[in-house]
């Protein structure tokens, strides 16, 4: 199941009606996945929730796993846009403070910048289900890996720009630093999904942990 395409393999843009059908299926799937989980959800339940037939589903998606990857892409696009908007708000404040920012103050800015959406733990559970499927199914694994690689690459520039506004720079290539930060974020989501945000290593501690890591991965920029 390959759903990622290169530019040379791009297909024509879908019609407005087809886009509307896909959006309704994606919206319905969000509700069904939240209720039943990725593995428990069925194509029939998604179609019933959207008010479409199985034919409409399979004319748009090859499987519920493909649908979920596209749903995840839509969610991550929203997260990337949210980071862009937060970056525009934070950059002037960070430039004003610059290298004077210490870990405690940095933690406050980080919480504001990386604050997860209210449904973050639910998404984490679904993403974990997909990861397990990808580990078992060779047809899904390449798409999952490519998807995550693209997402990290897509937010790398935003994070690097915010770090630069604070008067610092990464001591290693940003494309290597972002997955490390991502793992800390995922670890906080995992702890919160299991025992709540106040659990050790949960979302309540995320700002302090990321601040500590960022000060280890960055240095004061010269000039």
N, C-alpha and C. Protein backbone atom coordinates (compact mmCIF):
# COMPACT_ATOMS: atom_id res chain seq x y z
N UNK A 1 0.85 -1.19 0.00
CA UNK A 1 0.00 0.00 0.00
C UNK A 1 0.88 1.24 0.00
N UNK A 2 1.12 1.80 -1.16
CA UNK A 2 1.93 3.00 -1.26
C UNK A 2 1.03 4.18 -1.53
N UNK A 3 1.01 5.17 -0.64
CA UNK A 3 0.17 6.33 -0.86
C UNK A 3 0.99 7.60 -1.05
N UNK A 4 2.27 7.57 -0.69
CA UNK A 4 3.12 8.73 -0.91
C UNK A 4 3.53 8.78 -2.37
N UNK A 5 3.54 9.97 -2.94
CA UNK A 5 3.91 10.11 -4.34
C UNK A 5 4.96 11.19 -4.51
N UNK A 6 5.84 11.00 -5.49
CA UNK A 6 6.79 12.03 -5.84
C UNK A 6 6.08 13.02 -6.76
N UNK A 7 6.72 14.18 -7.00
CA UNK A 7 6.11 15.18 -7.86
C UNK A 7 5.86 14.63 -9.26
N UNK A 8 6.75 13.78 -9.75
CA UNK A 8 6.59 13.25 -11.09
C UNK A 8 5.42 12.28 -11.16
N UNK A 9 5.00 11.75 -9.99
CA UNK A 9 3.90 10.80 -9.95
C UNK A 9 2.59 11.46 -9.54
N UNK A 10 2.59 12.80 -9.42
CA UNK A 10 1.41 13.50 -8.93
C UNK A 10 0.23 13.25 -9.85
N UNK A 11 -0.95 13.13 -9.21
CA UNK A 11 -2.17 12.92 -9.97
C UNK A 11 -2.94 14.22 -10.03
N UNK A 12 -3.88 14.33 -10.99
CA UNK A 12 -4.67 15.57 -11.10
C UNK A 12 -5.43 15.87 -9.81
N UNK A 13 -5.64 17.15 -9.54
CA UNK A 13 -6.37 17.54 -8.34
C UNK A 13 -7.81 17.02 -8.42
N UNK A 14 -8.35 16.51 -7.32
CA UNK A 14 -9.71 15.99 -7.33
C UNK A 14 -10.73 17.12 -7.48
N UNK A 15 -11.92 16.77 -7.95
CA UNK A 15 -12.99 17.76 -8.11
C UNK A 15 -13.47 18.22 -6.74
N UNK A 16 -14.23 19.32 -6.72
CA UNK A 16 -14.76 19.84 -5.47
C UNK A 16 -15.67 18.82 -4.80
N UNK A 17 -16.46 18.11 -5.60
CA UNK A 17 -17.37 17.10 -5.03
C UNK A 17 -16.58 15.96 -4.41
N UNK A 18 -15.52 15.54 -5.09
CA UNK A 18 -14.71 14.44 -4.55
C UNK A 18 -13.99 14.88 -3.28
N UNK A 19 -13.50 16.12 -3.27
CA UNK A 19 -12.84 16.63 -2.06
C UNK A 19 -13.83 16.66 -0.89
N UNK A 20 -15.08 17.07 -1.18
CA UNK A 20 -16.10 17.12 -0.12
C UNK A 20 -16.39 15.72 0.42
N UNK A 21 -16.44 14.74 -0.48
CA UNK A 21 -16.68 13.36 -0.06
C UNK A 21 -15.56 12.87 0.83
N UNK A 22 -14.32 13.13 0.41
CA UNK A 22 -13.17 12.70 1.20
C UNK A 22 -13.17 13.36 2.58
N UNK A 23 -13.49 14.65 2.63
CA UNK A 23 -13.50 15.35 3.91
C UNK A 23 -14.56 14.77 4.84
N UNK A 24 -15.75 14.44 4.30
CA UNK A 24 -16.79 13.84 5.13
C UNK A 24 -16.36 12.48 5.66
N UNK A 25 -15.69 11.70 4.81
CA UNK A 25 -15.19 10.40 5.26
C UNK A 25 -14.11 10.57 6.32
N UNK A 26 -13.23 11.53 6.14
CA UNK A 26 -12.18 11.78 7.12
C UNK A 26 -12.77 12.25 8.44
N UNK A 27 -13.75 13.16 8.38
CA UNK A 27 -14.39 13.65 9.61
C UNK A 27 -15.10 12.51 10.34
N UNK A 28 -15.82 11.67 9.58
CA UNK A 28 -16.51 10.54 10.20
C UNK A 28 -15.52 9.57 10.81
N UNK A 29 -14.42 9.34 10.10
CA UNK A 29 -13.40 8.41 10.61
C UNK A 29 -12.78 8.92 11.90
N UNK A 30 -12.61 10.23 12.02
CA UNK A 30 -12.06 10.79 13.25
C UNK A 30 -12.92 10.39 14.44
N UNK A 31 -14.23 10.49 14.28
CA UNK A 31 -15.15 10.14 15.36
C UNK A 31 -15.11 8.64 15.65
N UNK A 32 -15.14 7.83 14.59
CA UNK A 32 -15.17 6.38 14.78
C UNK A 32 -13.85 5.88 15.37
N UNK A 33 -12.72 6.40 14.90
CA UNK A 33 -11.44 5.99 15.45
C UNK A 33 -11.34 6.37 16.92
N UNK A 34 -11.85 7.56 17.28
CA UNK A 34 -11.79 8.00 18.67
C UNK A 34 -12.62 7.09 19.57
N UNK A 35 -13.72 6.57 19.03
CA UNK A 35 -14.60 5.72 19.82
C UNK A 35 -14.12 4.27 19.88
N UNK A 36 -13.66 3.75 18.75
CA UNK A 36 -13.38 2.32 18.65
C UNK A 36 -11.90 1.96 18.49
N UNK A 37 -11.03 2.98 18.31
CA UNK A 37 -9.63 2.68 18.04
C UNK A 37 -9.41 2.36 16.58
N UNK A 38 -8.17 2.39 16.17
CA UNK A 38 -7.85 2.13 14.76
C UNK A 38 -8.19 0.69 14.38
N UNK A 39 -7.81 -0.26 15.21
CA UNK A 39 -8.05 -1.66 14.87
C UNK A 39 -9.52 -2.05 15.04
N UNK A 40 -10.20 -1.43 16.00
CA UNK A 40 -11.59 -1.77 16.23
C UNK A 40 -12.55 -1.13 15.24
N UNK A 41 -12.14 -0.03 14.61
CA UNK A 41 -13.01 0.66 13.66
C UNK A 41 -13.16 -0.17 12.39
N UNK A 42 -14.33 -0.09 11.79
CA UNK A 42 -14.58 -0.82 10.54
C UNK A 42 -14.91 0.17 9.43
N UNK A 43 -14.66 -0.26 8.20
CA UNK A 43 -15.03 0.56 7.05
C UNK A 43 -16.53 0.82 7.05
N UNK A 44 -17.31 -0.21 7.42
CA UNK A 44 -18.76 -0.07 7.45
C UNK A 44 -19.20 1.02 8.42
N UNK A 45 -18.57 1.05 9.61
CA UNK A 45 -18.94 2.06 10.61
C UNK A 45 -18.59 3.46 10.12
N UNK A 46 -17.44 3.60 9.45
CA UNK A 46 -17.04 4.90 8.93
C UNK A 46 -18.03 5.35 7.85
N UNK A 47 -18.40 4.44 6.95
CA UNK A 47 -19.35 4.77 5.88
C UNK A 47 -20.71 5.17 6.46
N UNK A 48 -21.16 4.42 7.45
CA UNK A 48 -22.46 4.71 8.06
C UNK A 48 -22.44 6.09 8.72
N UNK A 49 -21.35 6.42 9.40
CA UNK A 49 -21.24 7.72 10.06
C UNK A 49 -21.22 8.86 9.04
N UNK A 50 -20.57 8.62 7.91
CA UNK A 50 -20.46 9.66 6.88
C UNK A 50 -21.69 9.72 5.97
N UNK A 51 -22.50 8.63 5.97
CA UNK A 51 -23.66 8.59 5.10
C UNK A 51 -23.32 8.20 3.67
N UNK A 52 -22.27 7.39 3.50
CA UNK A 52 -21.84 6.95 2.18
C UNK A 52 -21.84 5.43 2.11
N UNK A 53 -21.73 4.91 0.90
CA UNK A 53 -21.63 3.47 0.68
C UNK A 53 -20.17 3.04 0.72
N UNK A 54 -19.96 1.73 0.80
CA UNK A 54 -18.60 1.21 0.72
C UNK A 54 -17.95 1.58 -0.59
N UNK A 55 -18.77 1.66 -1.65
CA UNK A 55 -18.22 2.05 -2.95
C UNK A 55 -17.61 3.43 -2.91
N UNK A 56 -18.28 4.36 -2.23
CA UNK A 56 -17.75 5.72 -2.11
C UNK A 56 -16.44 5.70 -1.33
N UNK A 57 -16.39 4.84 -0.30
CA UNK A 57 -15.16 4.74 0.49
C UNK A 57 -14.01 4.26 -0.38
N UNK A 58 -14.22 3.13 -1.07
CA UNK A 58 -13.11 2.52 -1.82
C UNK A 58 -12.79 3.25 -3.12
N UNK A 59 -13.63 4.18 -3.52
CA UNK A 59 -13.25 5.03 -4.66
C UNK A 59 -12.33 6.16 -4.22
N UNK A 60 -12.19 6.34 -2.89
CA UNK A 60 -11.33 7.39 -2.36
C UNK A 60 -10.13 6.86 -1.58
N UNK A 61 -10.30 5.70 -0.93
CA UNK A 61 -9.24 5.13 -0.10
C UNK A 61 -9.14 3.63 -0.35
N UNK A 62 -7.92 3.12 -0.34
CA UNK A 62 -7.74 1.70 -0.58
C UNK A 62 -8.00 0.87 0.67
N UNK A 63 -7.92 1.49 1.85
CA UNK A 63 -8.11 0.78 3.11
C UNK A 63 -8.29 1.79 4.22
N UNK A 64 -8.72 1.32 5.38
CA UNK A 64 -8.85 2.25 6.51
C UNK A 64 -7.47 2.72 6.98
N UNK A 65 -6.42 1.91 6.76
CA UNK A 65 -5.07 2.35 7.13
C UNK A 65 -4.63 3.51 6.26
N UNK A 66 -4.94 3.45 4.96
CA UNK A 66 -4.61 4.57 4.09
C UNK A 66 -5.39 5.81 4.51
N UNK A 67 -6.67 5.62 4.82
CA UNK A 67 -7.48 6.74 5.29
C UNK A 67 -6.85 7.35 6.54
N UNK A 68 -6.41 6.49 7.47
CA UNK A 68 -5.85 7.03 8.70
C UNK A 68 -4.56 7.79 8.45
N UNK A 69 -3.72 7.31 7.53
CA UNK A 69 -2.51 8.06 7.21
C UNK A 69 -2.85 9.44 6.66
N UNK A 70 -3.88 9.53 5.84
CA UNK A 70 -4.28 10.83 5.31
C UNK A 70 -4.91 11.68 6.41
N UNK A 71 -5.64 11.04 7.31
CA UNK A 71 -6.20 11.76 8.45
C UNK A 71 -5.09 12.29 9.34
N UNK A 72 -4.07 11.48 9.55
CA UNK A 72 -2.93 11.90 10.35
C UNK A 72 -2.18 13.03 9.66
N UNK A 73 -2.06 12.95 8.34
CA UNK A 73 -1.41 14.03 7.59
C UNK A 73 -2.19 15.33 7.76
N UNK A 74 -3.52 15.26 7.73
CA UNK A 74 -4.33 16.46 7.93
C UNK A 74 -4.13 17.03 9.32
N UNK A 75 -4.09 16.14 10.33
CA UNK A 75 -3.88 16.57 11.70
C UNK A 75 -2.49 17.19 11.88
N UNK A 76 -1.46 16.57 11.28
CA UNK A 76 -0.11 17.10 11.43
C UNK A 76 0.05 18.40 10.66
N UNK A 77 -0.66 18.56 9.54
CA UNK A 77 -0.64 19.85 8.84
C UNK A 77 -1.21 20.93 9.74
N UNK A 78 -2.28 20.60 10.46
CA UNK A 78 -2.87 21.56 11.39
C UNK A 78 -1.88 21.90 12.50
N UNK A 79 -1.18 20.89 13.01
CA UNK A 79 -0.19 21.15 14.06
C UNK A 79 0.95 22.03 13.53
N UNK A 80 1.38 21.78 12.30
CA UNK A 80 2.46 22.58 11.72
C UNK A 80 2.02 24.03 11.55
N UNK A 81 0.77 24.24 11.10
CA UNK A 81 0.26 25.61 10.96
C UNK A 81 0.17 26.28 12.32
N UNK A 82 -0.23 25.51 13.33
CA UNK A 82 -0.32 26.05 14.68
C UNK A 82 1.05 26.49 15.18
N UNK A 83 2.08 25.68 14.90
CA UNK A 83 3.45 26.06 15.29
C UNK A 83 3.90 27.31 14.56
N UNK A 84 3.54 27.42 13.28
CA UNK A 84 3.89 28.62 12.51
C UNK A 84 3.28 29.85 13.15
N UNK A 85 2.01 29.77 13.52
CA UNK A 85 1.33 30.92 14.12
C UNK A 85 1.94 31.28 15.47
N UNK A 86 2.24 30.27 16.27
CA UNK A 86 2.85 30.53 17.57
C UNK A 86 4.24 31.12 17.42
N UNK A 87 4.97 30.65 16.39
CA UNK A 87 6.32 31.18 16.15
C UNK A 87 6.26 32.67 15.84
N UNK A 88 5.30 33.08 15.03
CA UNK A 88 5.17 34.50 14.69
C UNK A 88 4.91 35.35 15.93
N UNK A 89 4.18 34.79 16.89
CA UNK A 89 3.90 35.52 18.13
C UNK A 89 5.11 35.55 19.06
N UNK A 90 5.86 34.45 19.10
CA UNK A 90 6.95 34.32 20.05
C UNK A 90 8.24 35.01 19.61
N UNK A 91 8.50 35.03 18.31
CA UNK A 91 9.79 35.53 17.84
C UNK A 91 10.11 36.93 18.33
N UNK A 92 9.18 37.90 18.28
CA UNK A 92 9.53 39.24 18.80
C UNK A 92 9.87 39.22 20.29
N UNK A 93 9.14 38.41 21.07
CA UNK A 93 9.42 38.32 22.49
C UNK A 93 10.79 37.70 22.74
N UNK A 94 11.12 36.67 21.98
CA UNK A 94 12.40 36.00 22.15
C UNK A 94 13.56 36.88 21.73
N UNK A 95 13.38 37.65 20.66
CA UNK A 95 14.45 38.56 20.22
C UNK A 95 14.73 39.60 21.30
N UNK A 96 13.69 40.02 21.97
CA UNK A 96 13.86 41.03 23.02
C UNK A 96 14.63 40.47 24.20
N UNK A 97 14.40 39.19 24.52
CA UNK A 97 15.09 38.57 25.65
C UNK A 97 16.44 37.99 25.26
N UNK A 98 16.48 37.38 24.07
CA UNK A 98 17.73 36.86 23.53
C UNK A 98 18.43 35.88 24.45
N UNK A 99 19.78 35.92 24.46
CA UNK A 99 20.57 34.95 25.24
C UNK A 99 20.36 35.05 26.75
N UNK A 100 19.64 36.10 27.20
CA UNK A 100 19.40 36.23 28.64
C UNK A 100 18.41 35.20 29.15
N UNK A 101 17.73 34.52 28.26
CA UNK A 101 16.73 33.53 28.67
C UNK A 101 17.41 32.35 29.35
N UNK A 102 16.98 32.03 30.56
CA UNK A 102 17.48 30.86 31.27
C UNK A 102 16.49 29.71 31.17
N UNK A 103 16.87 28.52 31.64
CA UNK A 103 15.99 27.36 31.53
C UNK A 103 14.58 27.55 32.08
N UNK A 104 14.39 28.16 33.29
CA UNK A 104 13.02 28.31 33.80
C UNK A 104 12.15 29.16 32.86
N UNK A 105 12.69 30.29 32.39
CA UNK A 105 11.92 31.13 31.47
C UNK A 105 11.72 30.43 30.14
N UNK A 106 12.76 29.73 29.69
CA UNK A 106 12.64 28.99 28.43
C UNK A 106 11.54 27.95 28.52
N UNK A 107 11.42 27.31 29.69
CA UNK A 107 10.38 26.29 29.88
C UNK A 107 9.00 26.87 29.67
N UNK A 108 8.79 28.12 30.15
CA UNK A 108 7.49 28.75 29.97
C UNK A 108 7.20 29.00 28.50
N UNK A 109 8.22 29.49 27.77
CA UNK A 109 8.04 29.72 26.33
C UNK A 109 7.79 28.40 25.60
N UNK A 110 8.50 27.35 26.01
CA UNK A 110 8.36 26.05 25.34
C UNK A 110 6.97 25.48 25.54
N UNK A 111 6.45 25.61 26.77
CA UNK A 111 5.08 25.14 27.03
C UNK A 111 4.11 25.86 26.11
N UNK A 112 4.30 27.17 25.95
CA UNK A 112 3.43 27.95 25.08
C UNK A 112 3.57 27.51 23.62
N UNK A 113 4.80 27.22 23.20
CA UNK A 113 5.05 26.88 21.80
C UNK A 113 4.63 25.46 21.47
N UNK A 114 4.97 24.51 22.34
CA UNK A 114 4.72 23.10 22.05
C UNK A 114 3.44 22.56 22.70
N UNK A 115 2.66 23.44 23.33
CA UNK A 115 1.46 22.97 24.02
C UNK A 115 0.63 22.09 23.10
N UNK A 116 0.38 20.84 23.50
CA UNK A 116 -0.37 19.92 22.64
C UNK A 116 -1.85 20.26 22.63
N UNK A 117 -2.58 19.84 21.59
CA UNK A 117 -4.03 20.03 21.58
C UNK A 117 -4.68 19.20 22.67
N UNK A 118 -5.93 19.53 22.99
CA UNK A 118 -6.62 18.85 24.09
C UNK A 118 -6.80 17.36 23.83
N UNK A 119 -6.85 16.97 22.56
CA UNK A 119 -7.05 15.55 22.23
C UNK A 119 -5.74 14.85 21.89
N UNK A 120 -4.62 15.40 22.36
CA UNK A 120 -3.31 14.88 21.99
C UNK A 120 -3.11 13.43 22.42
N UNK A 121 -3.55 13.08 23.63
CA UNK A 121 -3.33 11.71 24.09
C UNK A 121 -4.15 10.71 23.28
N UNK A 122 -5.37 11.13 22.88
CA UNK A 122 -6.19 10.24 22.04
C UNK A 122 -5.51 10.01 20.70
N UNK A 123 -4.96 11.07 20.11
CA UNK A 123 -4.23 10.92 18.85
C UNK A 123 -3.01 10.03 19.04
N UNK A 124 -2.33 10.18 20.19
CA UNK A 124 -1.15 9.36 20.44
C UNK A 124 -1.51 7.88 20.44
N UNK A 125 -2.63 7.53 21.07
CA UNK A 125 -3.05 6.13 21.11
C UNK A 125 -3.29 5.62 19.69
N UNK A 126 -3.95 6.41 18.85
CA UNK A 126 -4.23 5.99 17.48
C UNK A 126 -2.93 5.88 16.67
N UNK A 127 -2.03 6.85 16.87
CA UNK A 127 -0.75 6.81 16.16
C UNK A 127 0.05 5.57 16.56
N UNK A 128 -0.04 5.20 17.84
CA UNK A 128 0.67 4.01 18.31
C UNK A 128 0.09 2.76 17.69
N UNK A 129 -1.25 2.71 17.55
CA UNK A 129 -1.87 1.57 16.88
C UNK A 129 -1.37 1.45 15.45
N UNK A 130 -1.27 2.59 14.75
CA UNK A 130 -0.80 2.56 13.37
C UNK A 130 0.66 2.11 13.32
N UNK A 131 1.46 2.58 14.26
CA UNK A 131 2.87 2.18 14.30
C UNK A 131 2.99 0.67 14.46
N UNK A 132 2.18 0.08 15.34
CA UNK A 132 2.21 -1.37 15.53
C UNK A 132 1.80 -2.10 14.26
N UNK A 133 0.78 -1.58 13.56
CA UNK A 133 0.38 -2.18 12.29
C UNK A 133 1.51 -2.09 11.27
N UNK A 134 2.17 -0.94 11.23
CA UNK A 134 3.26 -0.74 10.27
C UNK A 134 4.42 -1.68 10.55
N UNK A 135 4.67 -1.96 11.84
CA UNK A 135 5.75 -2.87 12.21
C UNK A 135 5.44 -4.31 11.78
N UNK A 136 4.14 -4.62 11.68
CA UNK A 136 3.75 -5.98 11.31
C UNK A 136 3.50 -6.13 9.81
N UNK A 137 3.18 -5.02 9.15
CA UNK A 137 2.76 -5.08 7.75
C UNK A 137 3.77 -4.34 6.87
N UNK A 138 4.58 -5.05 6.09
CA UNK A 138 5.59 -4.41 5.23
C UNK A 138 5.00 -3.44 4.21
N UNK A 139 3.71 -3.60 3.88
CA UNK A 139 3.10 -2.70 2.90
C UNK A 139 2.80 -1.34 3.48
N UNK A 140 2.66 -1.25 4.82
CA UNK A 140 2.36 0.02 5.48
C UNK A 140 3.63 0.70 5.96
N UNK A 141 4.63 -0.08 6.34
CA UNK A 141 5.83 0.45 6.98
C UNK A 141 6.51 1.58 6.20
N UNK A 142 6.75 1.44 4.88
CA UNK A 142 7.44 2.54 4.19
C UNK A 142 6.66 3.86 4.23
N UNK A 143 5.33 3.78 4.08
CA UNK A 143 4.53 5.00 4.12
C UNK A 143 4.59 5.66 5.49
N UNK A 144 4.53 4.86 6.55
CA UNK A 144 4.58 5.41 7.90
C UNK A 144 5.92 6.09 8.14
N UNK A 145 7.00 5.44 7.76
CA UNK A 145 8.33 6.02 7.95
C UNK A 145 8.48 7.31 7.14
N UNK A 146 8.06 7.29 5.89
CA UNK A 146 8.18 8.48 5.04
C UNK A 146 7.32 9.61 5.57
N UNK A 147 6.14 9.27 6.07
CA UNK A 147 5.25 10.28 6.62
C UNK A 147 5.90 11.00 7.79
N UNK A 148 6.45 10.25 8.75
CA UNK A 148 7.06 10.86 9.92
C UNK A 148 8.29 11.67 9.54
N UNK A 149 9.06 11.18 8.57
CA UNK A 149 10.24 11.92 8.12
C UNK A 149 9.84 13.25 7.52
N UNK A 150 8.78 13.25 6.72
CA UNK A 150 8.30 14.49 6.11
C UNK A 150 7.78 15.46 7.16
N UNK A 151 7.09 14.94 8.16
CA UNK A 151 6.56 15.82 9.19
C UNK A 151 7.69 16.51 9.94
N UNK A 152 8.68 15.75 10.37
CA UNK A 152 9.81 16.36 11.09
C UNK A 152 10.54 17.38 10.21
N UNK A 153 10.70 17.06 8.94
CA UNK A 153 11.35 18.00 8.03
C UNK A 153 10.52 19.26 7.87
N UNK A 154 9.19 19.11 7.91
CA UNK A 154 8.31 20.25 7.72
C UNK A 154 8.33 21.24 8.87
N UNK A 155 8.60 20.77 10.10
CA UNK A 155 8.61 21.68 11.24
C UNK A 155 10.02 22.12 11.64
N UNK A 156 11.04 21.51 11.03
CA UNK A 156 12.42 21.81 11.42
C UNK A 156 12.73 23.30 11.26
N UNK A 157 12.31 23.88 10.14
CA UNK A 157 12.62 25.29 9.89
C UNK A 157 11.97 26.21 10.90
N UNK A 158 10.75 25.89 11.31
CA UNK A 158 10.04 26.72 12.29
C UNK A 158 10.76 26.68 13.64
N UNK A 159 11.12 25.48 14.08
CA UNK A 159 11.81 25.34 15.36
C UNK A 159 13.17 26.04 15.31
N UNK A 160 13.89 25.88 14.23
CA UNK A 160 15.20 26.52 14.10
C UNK A 160 15.07 28.03 14.14
N UNK A 161 14.00 28.55 13.53
CA UNK A 161 13.78 30.00 13.51
C UNK A 161 13.49 30.54 14.91
N UNK A 162 12.71 29.79 15.67
CA UNK A 162 12.40 30.21 17.04
C UNK A 162 13.66 30.18 17.90
N UNK A 163 14.47 29.14 17.73
CA UNK A 163 15.73 29.05 18.48
C UNK A 163 16.64 30.23 18.13
N UNK A 164 16.71 30.57 16.85
CA UNK A 164 17.53 31.70 16.41
C UNK A 164 17.03 33.02 17.00
N UNK A 165 15.70 33.17 17.11
CA UNK A 165 15.12 34.38 17.69
C UNK A 165 15.52 34.53 19.15
N UNK A 166 15.79 33.39 19.81
CA UNK A 166 16.23 33.41 21.21
C UNK A 166 17.73 33.61 21.32
N UNK A 167 18.41 33.82 20.19
CA UNK A 167 19.85 34.06 20.21
C UNK A 167 20.69 32.81 20.35
N UNK A 168 20.12 31.66 19.97
CA UNK A 168 20.86 30.41 20.09
C UNK A 168 20.83 29.68 18.75
N UNK A 169 21.63 28.64 18.65
CA UNK A 169 21.66 27.82 17.45
C UNK A 169 21.96 26.38 17.84
N UNK A 170 21.49 25.46 17.03
CA UNK A 170 21.73 24.04 17.30
C UNK A 170 23.20 23.71 17.10
N UNK A 171 23.72 22.81 17.94
CA UNK A 171 25.11 22.38 17.82
C UNK A 171 25.22 21.15 16.93
N UNK A 172 24.11 20.67 16.41
CA UNK A 172 24.09 19.57 15.46
C UNK A 172 23.06 19.92 14.39
N UNK A 173 23.08 19.25 13.25
CA UNK A 173 22.11 19.58 12.20
C UNK A 173 20.68 19.53 12.74
N UNK A 174 19.89 20.52 12.38
CA UNK A 174 18.54 20.61 12.91
C UNK A 174 17.72 19.37 12.57
N UNK A 175 17.99 18.75 11.40
CA UNK A 175 17.23 17.55 11.04
C UNK A 175 17.55 16.38 11.96
N UNK A 176 18.68 16.44 12.68
CA UNK A 176 18.99 15.42 13.67
C UNK A 176 18.40 15.77 15.03
N UNK A 177 18.29 17.06 15.32
CA UNK A 177 17.78 17.49 16.62
C UNK A 177 16.27 17.31 16.73
N UNK A 178 15.54 17.55 15.65
CA UNK A 178 14.08 17.51 15.72
C UNK A 178 13.55 16.14 16.14
N UNK A 179 14.04 15.03 15.57
CA UNK A 179 13.54 13.72 16.05
C UNK A 179 13.83 13.48 17.53
N UNK A 180 14.95 14.00 18.04
CA UNK A 180 15.26 13.85 19.46
C UNK A 180 14.21 14.59 20.30
N UNK A 181 13.90 15.83 19.90
CA UNK A 181 12.86 16.58 20.60
C UNK A 181 11.51 15.88 20.46
N UNK A 182 11.27 15.32 19.28
CA UNK A 182 10.02 14.61 19.05
C UNK A 182 9.86 13.41 19.96
N UNK A 183 10.96 12.70 20.24
CA UNK A 183 10.89 11.54 21.11
C UNK A 183 10.53 11.95 22.55
N UNK A 184 11.05 13.09 23.00
CA UNK A 184 10.71 13.57 24.34
C UNK A 184 9.23 13.93 24.39
N UNK A 185 8.75 14.57 23.34
CA UNK A 185 7.33 14.92 23.24
C UNK A 185 6.47 13.66 23.26
N UNK A 186 6.86 12.66 22.47
CA UNK A 186 6.10 11.41 22.42
C UNK A 186 6.14 10.69 23.77
N UNK A 187 7.27 10.75 24.44
CA UNK A 187 7.39 10.11 25.75
C UNK A 187 6.43 10.74 26.75
N UNK A 188 6.29 12.08 26.68
CA UNK A 188 5.36 12.77 27.57
C UNK A 188 3.92 12.38 27.26
N UNK A 189 3.60 12.24 25.98
CA UNK A 189 2.26 11.81 25.59
C UNK A 189 1.99 10.38 26.08
N UNK A 190 3.00 9.52 25.97
CA UNK A 190 2.83 8.13 26.40
C UNK A 190 2.58 8.07 27.91
N UNK A 191 3.37 8.81 28.69
CA UNK A 191 3.18 8.82 30.14
C UNK A 191 1.81 9.38 30.50
N UNK A 192 1.36 10.39 29.78
CA UNK A 192 0.06 11.01 30.06
C UNK A 192 -1.08 10.08 29.68
N UNK A 193 -0.91 9.36 28.56
CA UNK A 193 -1.96 8.42 28.14
C UNK A 193 -2.10 7.29 29.15
N UNK A 194 -1.01 6.90 29.79
CA UNK A 194 -1.03 5.78 30.73
C UNK A 194 -1.46 6.20 32.13
N UNK A 195 -1.02 7.38 32.57
CA UNK A 195 -1.25 7.74 33.98
C UNK A 195 -1.65 9.19 34.19
N UNK A 196 -1.98 9.92 33.13
CA UNK A 196 -2.41 11.30 33.29
C UNK A 196 -1.26 12.28 33.12
N UNK A 197 -1.58 13.54 32.79
CA UNK A 197 -0.54 14.54 32.52
C UNK A 197 0.35 14.88 33.70
N UNK A 198 -0.12 14.64 34.93
CA UNK A 198 0.70 14.94 36.10
C UNK A 198 1.64 13.80 36.48
N UNK A 199 1.60 12.69 35.74
CA UNK A 199 2.49 11.57 36.02
C UNK A 199 3.94 11.98 35.77
N UNK A 200 4.90 11.34 36.45
CA UNK A 200 6.31 11.64 36.17
C UNK A 200 6.61 11.49 34.69
N UNK A 201 7.20 12.53 34.09
CA UNK A 201 7.50 12.49 32.67
C UNK A 201 6.30 12.80 31.80
N UNK A 202 5.16 13.19 32.40
CA UNK A 202 3.97 13.50 31.63
C UNK A 202 3.99 14.90 31.05
N UNK A 203 2.87 15.32 30.50
CA UNK A 203 2.80 16.61 29.82
C UNK A 203 3.05 17.78 30.76
N UNK A 204 2.72 17.63 32.03
CA UNK A 204 2.97 18.73 32.97
C UNK A 204 4.45 19.03 33.12
N UNK A 205 5.31 18.04 32.86
CA UNK A 205 6.76 18.22 32.97
C UNK A 205 7.42 18.53 31.63
N UNK A 206 6.62 18.60 30.57
CA UNK A 206 7.20 18.69 29.22
C UNK A 206 8.06 19.94 29.04
N UNK A 207 7.59 21.08 29.52
CA UNK A 207 8.35 22.31 29.34
C UNK A 207 9.74 22.23 29.94
N UNK A 208 9.83 21.76 31.18
CA UNK A 208 11.14 21.66 31.85
C UNK A 208 12.05 20.69 31.13
N UNK A 209 11.51 19.56 30.69
CA UNK A 209 12.34 18.54 30.03
C UNK A 209 12.84 19.04 28.68
N UNK A 210 11.97 19.69 27.91
CA UNK A 210 12.40 20.20 26.62
C UNK A 210 13.38 21.37 26.78
N UNK A 211 13.16 22.20 27.78
CA UNK A 211 14.09 23.31 28.02
C UNK A 211 15.49 22.78 28.33
N UNK A 212 15.56 21.80 29.20
CA UNK A 212 16.85 21.19 29.55
C UNK A 212 17.53 20.61 28.32
N UNK A 213 16.74 19.93 27.50
CA UNK A 213 17.30 19.30 26.30
C UNK A 213 17.75 20.35 25.29
N UNK A 214 16.94 21.40 25.12
CA UNK A 214 17.30 22.43 24.15
C UNK A 214 18.57 23.17 24.55
N UNK A 215 18.77 23.39 25.83
CA UNK A 215 20.00 24.05 26.26
C UNK A 215 21.20 23.14 26.05
N UNK A 216 20.97 21.82 26.05
CA UNK A 216 22.06 20.88 25.77
C UNK A 216 22.34 20.77 24.28
N UNK A 217 21.31 20.97 23.46
CA UNK A 217 21.45 20.81 22.00
C UNK A 217 21.78 22.12 21.29
N UNK A 218 21.78 23.25 22.01
CA UNK A 218 22.04 24.54 21.39
C UNK A 218 23.14 25.28 22.13
N UNK A 219 23.61 26.34 21.49
CA UNK A 219 24.61 27.21 22.09
C UNK A 219 24.28 28.64 21.72
N UNK A 220 24.86 29.59 22.44
CA UNK A 220 24.63 31.00 22.14
C UNK A 220 25.21 31.29 20.76
N UNK A 221 24.41 31.92 19.93
CA UNK A 221 24.86 32.26 18.57
C UNK A 221 25.78 33.46 18.62
N UNK A 222 26.89 33.40 17.92
CA UNK A 222 27.83 34.52 17.89
C UNK A 222 27.29 35.61 16.99
N UNK A 223 27.59 36.82 17.36
CA UNK A 223 27.13 37.96 16.56
C UNK A 223 25.69 38.26 16.80
